[in-house]
Amino acid sequence: MAYFVEFSHEAIADLEALAPIIQERILRKVRWLSDNFENVSPQALSANLSGLFKLRVGDYRALSD
């Protein structure tokens, strides 16, 4: 079961500021995660980021809820 992924306006702007090869790498990981979310255990964040999860792609981090 694939999950629906929606990017905030800020996330789109941040993604567009990156080199195309990095953009593709991040998007490929997000697509993979949407297809495999039930089989992974995302890292939950704490403190002021409680309720969010971290996705690591190389040197970059994406937050999701």
PDB file of N, CA and C in Angstrom:
ATOM      1  N   MET A   1       0.847  -1.182   0.000  1.00  0.00           N
ATOM      2  CA  MET A   1       0.000   0.000   0.000  1.00  0.00           C
ATOM      3  C   MET A   1       0.890   1.242   0.000  1.00  0.00           C
ATOM      4  N   ALA A   2       0.729   2.100  -0.957  1.00  0.00           N
ATOM      5  CA  ALA A   2       1.500   3.345  -1.030  1.00  0.00           C
ATOM      6  C   ALA A   2       0.783   4.437  -0.242  1.00  0.00           C
ATOM      7  N   TYR A   3       1.552   5.258   0.402  1.00  0.00           N
ATOM      8  CA  TYR A   3       1.023   6.390   1.146  1.00  0.00           C
ATOM      9  C   TYR A   3       1.103   7.641   0.291  1.00  0.00           C
ATOM     10  N   PHE A   4       0.218   8.590   0.561  1.00  0.00           N
ATOM     11  CA  PHE A   4       0.198   9.863  -0.142  1.00  0.00           C
ATOM     12  C   PHE A   4       1.247  10.778   0.478  1.00  0.00           C
ATOM     13  N   VAL A   5       2.041  11.414  -0.352  1.00  0.00           N
ATOM     14  CA  VAL A   5       3.077  12.341   0.114  1.00  0.00           C
ATOM     15  C   VAL A   5       2.723  13.736  -0.367  1.00  0.00           C
ATOM     16  N   GLU A   6       2.725  14.678   0.557  1.00  0.00           N
ATOM     17  CA  GLU A   6       2.448  16.074   0.220  1.00  0.00           C
ATOM     18  C   GLU A   6       3.583  16.930   0.773  1.00  0.00           C
ATOM     19  N   PHE A   7       4.152  17.781  -0.067  1.00  0.00           N
ATOM     20  CA  PHE A   7       5.244  18.658   0.334  1.00  0.00           C
ATOM     21  C   PHE A   7       4.697  20.037   0.675  1.00  0.00           C
ATOM     22  N   SER A   8       5.220  20.639   1.734  1.00  0.00           N
ATOM     23  CA  SER A   8       4.854  22.018   2.058  1.00  0.00           C
ATOM     24  C   SER A   8       5.510  22.944   1.034  1.00  0.00           C
ATOM     25  N   HIS A   9       5.024  24.173   0.962  1.00  0.00           N
ATOM     26  CA  HIS A   9       5.619  25.156   0.046  1.00  0.00           C
ATOM     27  C   HIS A   9       7.090  25.398   0.396  1.00  0.00           C
ATOM     28  N   GLU A  10       7.384  25.430   1.691  1.00  0.00           N
ATOM     29  CA  GLU A  10       8.777  25.622   2.126  1.00  0.00           C
ATOM     30  C   GLU A  10       9.654  24.452   1.693  1.00  0.00           C
ATOM     31  N   ALA A  11       9.126  23.234   1.800  1.00  0.00           N
ATOM     32  CA  ALA A  11       9.901  22.052   1.405  1.00  0.00           C
ATOM     33  C   ALA A  11      10.182  22.069  -0.093  1.00  0.00           C
ATOM     34  N   ILE A  12       9.202  22.479  -0.882  1.00  0.00           N
ATOM     35  CA  ILE A  12       9.396  22.560  -2.336  1.00  0.00           C
ATOM     36  C   ILE A  12      10.475  23.588  -2.664  1.00  0.00           C
ATOM     37  N   ALA A  13      10.421  24.742  -2.014  1.00  0.00           N
ATOM     38  CA  ALA A  13      11.435  25.777  -2.259  1.00  0.00           C
ATOM     39  C   ALA A  13      12.823  25.286  -1.851  1.00  0.00           C
ATOM     40  N   ASP A  14      12.911  24.612  -0.712  1.00  0.00           N
ATOM     41  CA  ASP A  14      14.200  24.076  -0.266  1.00  0.00           C
ATOM     42  C   ASP A  14      14.719  23.027  -1.241  1.00  0.00           C
ATOM     43  N   LEU A  15      13.843  22.167  -1.716  1.00  0.00           N
ATOM     44  CA  LEU A  15      14.233  21.122  -2.665  1.00  0.00           C
ATOM     45  C   LEU A  15      14.713  21.728  -3.980  1.00  0.00           C
ATOM     46  N   GLU A  16      14.005  22.738  -4.467  1.00  0.00           N
ATOM     47  CA  GLU A  16      14.383  23.382  -5.730  1.00  0.00           C
ATOM     48  C   GLU A  16      15.726  24.109  -5.637  1.00  0.00           C
ATOM     49  N   ALA A  17      16.140  24.476  -4.427  1.00  0.00           N
ATOM     50  CA  ALA A  17      17.416  25.169  -4.245  1.00  0.00           C
ATOM     51  C   ALA A  17      18.608  24.208  -4.308  1.00  0.00           C
ATOM     52  N   LEU A  18      18.337  22.920  -4.265  1.00  0.00           N
ATOM     53  CA  LEU A  18      19.409  21.920  -4.300  1.00  0.00           C
ATOM     54  C   LEU A  18      19.781  21.558  -5.731  1.00  0.00           C
ATOM     55  N   ALA A  19      20.944  20.979  -5.882  1.00  0.00           N
ATOM     56  CA  ALA A  19      21.389  20.491  -7.193  1.00  0.00           C
ATOM     57  C   ALA A  19      20.432  19.398  -7.675  1.00  0.00           C
ATOM     58  N   PRO A  20      20.176  19.326  -8.984  1.00  0.00           N
ATOM     59  CA  PRO A  20      19.240  18.332  -9.520  1.00  0.00           C
ATOM     60  C   PRO A  20      19.541  16.895  -9.101  1.00  0.00           C
ATOM     61  N   ILE A  21      20.797  16.523  -9.007  1.00  0.00           N
ATOM     62  CA  ILE A  21      21.126  15.148  -8.622  1.00  0.00           C
ATOM     63  C   ILE A  21      20.717  14.864  -7.174  1.00  0.00           C
ATOM     64  N   ILE A  22      20.833  15.867  -6.312  1.00  0.00           N
ATOM     65  CA  ILE A  22      20.412  15.726  -4.911  1.00  0.00           C
ATOM     66  C   ILE A  22      18.891  15.697  -4.834  1.00  0.00           C
ATOM     67  N   GLN A  23      18.218  16.544  -5.614  1.00  0.00           N
ATOM     68  CA  GLN A  23      16.754  16.537  -5.657  1.00  0.00           C
ATOM     69  C   GLN A  23      16.241  15.145  -5.999  1.00  0.00           C
ATOM     70  N   GLU A  24      16.812  14.544  -7.044  1.00  0.00           N
ATOM     71  CA  GLU A  24      16.359  13.222  -7.485  1.00  0.00           C
ATOM     72  C   GLU A  24      16.615  12.169  -6.415  1.00  0.00           C
ATOM     73  N   ARG A  25      17.745  12.263  -5.759  1.00  0.00           N
ATOM     74  CA  ARG A  25      18.067  11.301  -4.706  1.00  0.00           C
ATOM     75  C   ARG A  25      17.052  11.387  -3.565  1.00  0.00           C
ATOM     76  N   ILE A  26      16.696  12.596  -3.164  1.00  0.00           N
ATOM     77  CA  ILE A  26      15.716  12.787  -2.094  1.00  0.00           C
ATOM     78  C   ILE A  26      14.342  12.304  -2.538  1.00  0.00           C
ATOM     79  N   LEU A  27      13.926  12.679  -3.745  1.00  0.00           N
ATOM     80  CA  LEU A  27      12.609  12.266  -4.234  1.00  0.00           C
ATOM     81  C   LEU A  27      12.515  10.752  -4.384  1.00  0.00           C
ATOM     82  N   ARG A  28      13.592  10.124  -4.817  1.00  0.00           N
ATOM     83  CA  ARG A  28      13.609   8.666  -4.948  1.00  0.00           C
ATOM     84  C   ARG A  28      13.425   8.010  -3.577  1.00  0.00           C
ATOM     85  N   LYS A  29      14.067   8.554  -2.546  1.00  0.00           N
ATOM     86  CA  LYS A  29      13.939   8.018  -1.188  1.00  0.00           C
ATOM     87  C   LYS A  29      12.526   8.233  -0.651  1.00  0.00           C
ATOM     88  N   VAL A  30      11.937   9.391  -0.912  1.00  0.00           N
ATOM     89  CA  VAL A  30      10.572   9.665  -0.457  1.00  0.00           C
ATOM     90  C   VAL A  30       9.590   8.718  -1.150  1.00  0.00           C
ATOM     91  N   ARG A  31       9.768   8.491  -2.457  1.00  0.00           N
ATOM     92  CA  ARG A  31       8.907   7.535  -3.174  1.00  0.00           C
ATOM     93  C   ARG A  31       9.046   6.138  -2.577  1.00  0.00           C
ATOM     94  N   TRP A  32      10.288   5.732  -2.322  1.00  0.00           N
ATOM     95  CA  TRP A  32      10.523   4.421  -1.733  1.00  0.00           C
ATOM     96  C   TRP A  32       9.823   4.319  -0.383  1.00  0.00           C
ATOM     97  N   LEU A  33       9.946   5.359   0.441  1.00  0.00           N
ATOM     98  CA  LEU A  33       9.326   5.347   1.757  1.00  0.00           C
ATOM     99  C   LEU A  33       7.807   5.276   1.655  1.00  0.00           C
ATOM    100  N   SER A  34       7.211   5.980   0.701  1.00  0.00           N
ATOM    101  CA  SER A  34       5.751   5.945   0.562  1.00  0.00           C
ATOM    102  C   SER A  34       5.266   4.549   0.176  1.00  0.00           C
ATOM    103  N   ASP A  35       6.096   3.797  -0.534  1.00  0.00           N
ATOM    104  CA  ASP A  35       5.736   2.430  -0.926  1.00  0.00           C
ATOM    105  C   ASP A  35       6.054   1.399   0.149  1.00  0.00           C
ATOM    106  N   ASN A  36       6.963   1.707   1.050  1.00  0.00           N
ATOM    107  CA  ASN A  36       7.449   0.732   2.027  1.00  0.00           C
ATOM    108  C   ASN A  36       7.267   1.164   3.477  1.00  0.00           C
ATOM    109  N   PHE A  37       6.427   2.140   3.726  1.00  0.00           N
ATOM    110  CA  PHE A  37       6.317   2.718   5.065  1.00  0.00           C
ATOM    111  C   PHE A  37       5.958   1.680   6.122  1.00  0.00           C
ATOM    112  N   GLU A  38       5.129   0.713   5.767  1.00  0.00           N
ATOM    113  CA  GLU A  38       4.703  -0.293   6.744  1.00  0.00           C
ATOM    114  C   GLU A  38       5.842  -1.228   7.143  1.00  0.00           C
ATOM    115  N   ASN A  39       6.920  -1.252   6.370  1.00  0.00           N
ATOM    116  CA  ASN A  39       8.035  -2.163   6.632  1.00  0.00           C
ATOM    117  C   ASN A  39       9.233  -1.491   7.289  1.00  0.00           C
ATOM    118  N   VAL A  40       9.119  -0.220   7.615  1.00  0.00           N
ATOM    119  CA  VAL A  40      10.232   0.502   8.237  1.00  0.00           C
ATOM    120  C   VAL A  40       9.788   1.085   9.573  1.00  0.00           C
ATOM    121  N   SER A  41      10.738   1.439  10.383  1.00  0.00           N
ATOM    122  CA  SER A  41      10.470   2.091  11.667  1.00  0.00           C
ATOM    123  C   SER A  41      11.148   3.453  11.648  1.00  0.00           C
ATOM    124  N   PRO A  42      10.417   4.493  11.231  1.00  0.00           N
ATOM    125  CA  PRO A  42      11.044   5.815  11.159  1.00  0.00           C
ATOM    126  C   PRO A  42      11.462   6.290  12.548  1.00  0.00           C
ATOM    127  N   GLN A  43      12.508   7.098  12.585  1.00  0.00           N
ATOM    128  CA  GLN A  43      13.017   7.607  13.852  1.00  0.00           C
ATOM    129  C   GLN A  43      12.147   8.758  14.337  1.00  0.00           C
ATOM    130  N   ALA A  44      11.487   8.546  15.470  1.00  0.00           N
ATOM    131  CA  ALA A  44      10.651   9.589  16.064  1.00  0.00           C
ATOM    132  C   ALA A  44      11.541  10.632  16.728  1.00  0.00           C
ATOM    133  N   LEU A  45      11.165  11.877  16.586  1.00  0.00           N
ATOM    134  CA  LEU A  45      11.905  12.973  17.208  1.00  0.00           C
ATOM    135  C   LEU A  45      11.243  13.341  18.528  1.00  0.00           C
ATOM    136  N   SER A  46      11.943  14.098  19.354  1.00  0.00           N
ATOM    137  CA  SER A  46      11.421  14.451  20.671  1.00  0.00           C
ATOM    138  C   SER A  46      11.520  15.952  20.906  1.00  0.00           C
ATOM    139  N   ALA A  47      11.210  16.341  22.115  1.00  0.00           N
ATOM    140  CA  ALA A  47      11.230  17.742  22.551  1.00  0.00           C
ATOM    141  C   ALA A  47      10.300  18.582  21.677  1.00  0.00           C
ATOM    142  N   ASN A  48      10.786  19.704  21.140  1.00  0.00           N
ATOM    143  CA  ASN A  48       9.904  20.591  20.370  1.00  0.00           C
ATOM    144  C   ASN A  48       9.547  20.010  19.006  1.00  0.00           C
ATOM    145  N   LEU A  49      10.163  18.890  18.607  1.00  0.00           N
ATOM    146  CA  LEU A  49       9.833  18.229  17.333  1.00  0.00           C
ATOM    147  C   LEU A  49       9.043  16.943  17.562  1.00  0.00           C
ATOM    148  N   SER A  50       8.497  16.782  18.760  1.00  0.00           N
ATOM    149  CA  SER A  50       7.708  15.603  19.090  1.00  0.00           C
ATOM    150  C   SER A  50       6.544  15.464  18.108  1.00  0.00           C
ATOM    151  N   GLY A  51       6.292  14.250  17.666  1.00  0.00           N
ATOM    152  CA  GLY A  51       5.224  14.002  16.698  1.00  0.00           C
ATOM    153  C   GLY A  51       5.724  13.976  15.269  1.00  0.00           C
ATOM    154  N   LEU A  52       6.993  14.318  15.067  1.00  0.00           N
ATOM    155  CA  LEU A  52       7.597  14.287  13.735  1.00  0.00           C
ATOM    156  C   LEU A  52       8.583  13.127  13.637  1.00  0.00           C
ATOM    157  N   PHE A  53       8.858  12.727  12.410  1.00  0.00           N
ATOM    158  CA  PHE A  53       9.804  11.651  12.145  1.00  0.00           C
ATOM    159  C   PHE A  53      10.882  12.156  11.202  1.00  0.00           C
ATOM    160  N   LYS A  54      12.074  11.560  11.305  1.00  0.00           N
ATOM    161  CA  LYS A  54      13.215  11.982  10.501  1.00  0.00           C
ATOM    162  C   LYS A  54      13.484  10.965   9.401  1.00  0.00           C
ATOM    163  N   LEU A  55      13.699  11.464   8.197  1.00  0.00           N
ATOM    164  CA  LEU A  55      14.136  10.657   7.065  1.00  0.00           C
ATOM    165  C   LEU A  55      15.506  11.173   6.663  1.00  0.00           C
ATOM    166  N   ARG A  56      16.491  10.297   6.664  1.00  0.00           N
ATOM    167  CA  ARG A  56      17.856  10.702   6.308  1.00  0.00           C
ATOM    168  C   ARG A  56      18.154  10.294   4.878  1.00  0.00           C
ATOM    169  N   VAL A  57      18.670  11.256   4.108  1.00  0.00           N
ATOM    170  CA  VAL A  57      19.116  11.008   2.735  1.00  0.00           C
ATOM    171  C   VAL A  57      20.503  11.626   2.617  1.00  0.00           C
ATOM    172  N   GLY A  58      21.537  10.819   2.774  1.00  0.00           N
ATOM    173  CA  GLY A  58      22.903  11.340   2.735  1.00  0.00           C
ATOM    174  C   GLY A  58      23.119  12.365   3.827  1.00  0.00           C
ATOM    175  N   ASP A  59      23.548  13.555   3.451  1.00  0.00           N
ATOM    176  CA  ASP A  59      23.787  14.633   4.407  1.00  0.00           C
ATOM    177  C   ASP A  59      22.529  15.427   4.727  1.00  0.00           C
ATOM    178  N   TYR A  60      21.398  15.058   4.147  1.00  0.00           N
ATOM    179  CA  TYR A  60      20.160  15.817   4.290  1.00  0.00           C
ATOM    180  C   TYR A  60      19.172  15.071   5.168  1.00  0.00           C
ATOM    181  N   ARG A  61      18.287  15.839   5.823  1.00  0.00           N
ATOM    182  CA  ARG A  61      17.230  15.282   6.661  1.00  0.00           C
ATOM    183  C   ARG A  61      15.907  15.879   6.217  1.00  0.00           C
ATOM    184  N   ALA A  62      14.896  15.028   6.179  1.00  0.00           N
ATOM    185  CA  ALA A  62      13.538  15.488   5.894  1.00  0.00           C
ATOM    186  C   ALA A  62      12.687  15.125   7.100  1.00  0.00           C
ATOM    187  N   LEU A  63      11.775  15.989   7.464  1.00  0.00           N
ATOM    188  CA  LEU A  63      10.870  15.724   8.573  1.00  0.00           C
ATOM    189  C   LEU A  63       9.495  15.401   8.030  1.00  0.00           C
ATOM    190  N   SER A  64       8.828  14.453   8.690  1.00  0.00           N
ATOM    191  CA  SER A  64       7.465  14.099   8.282  1.00  0.00           C
ATOM    192  C   SER A  64       6.610  13.945   9.523  1.00  0.00           C
ATOM    193  N   ASP A  65       5.310  13.999   9.317  1.00  0.00           N
ATOM    194  CA  ASP A  65       4.400  13.759  10.443  1.00  0.00           C
ATOM    195  C   ASP A  65       3.505  12.595  10.138  1.00  0.00           C
TER     196      ASP A  65
END
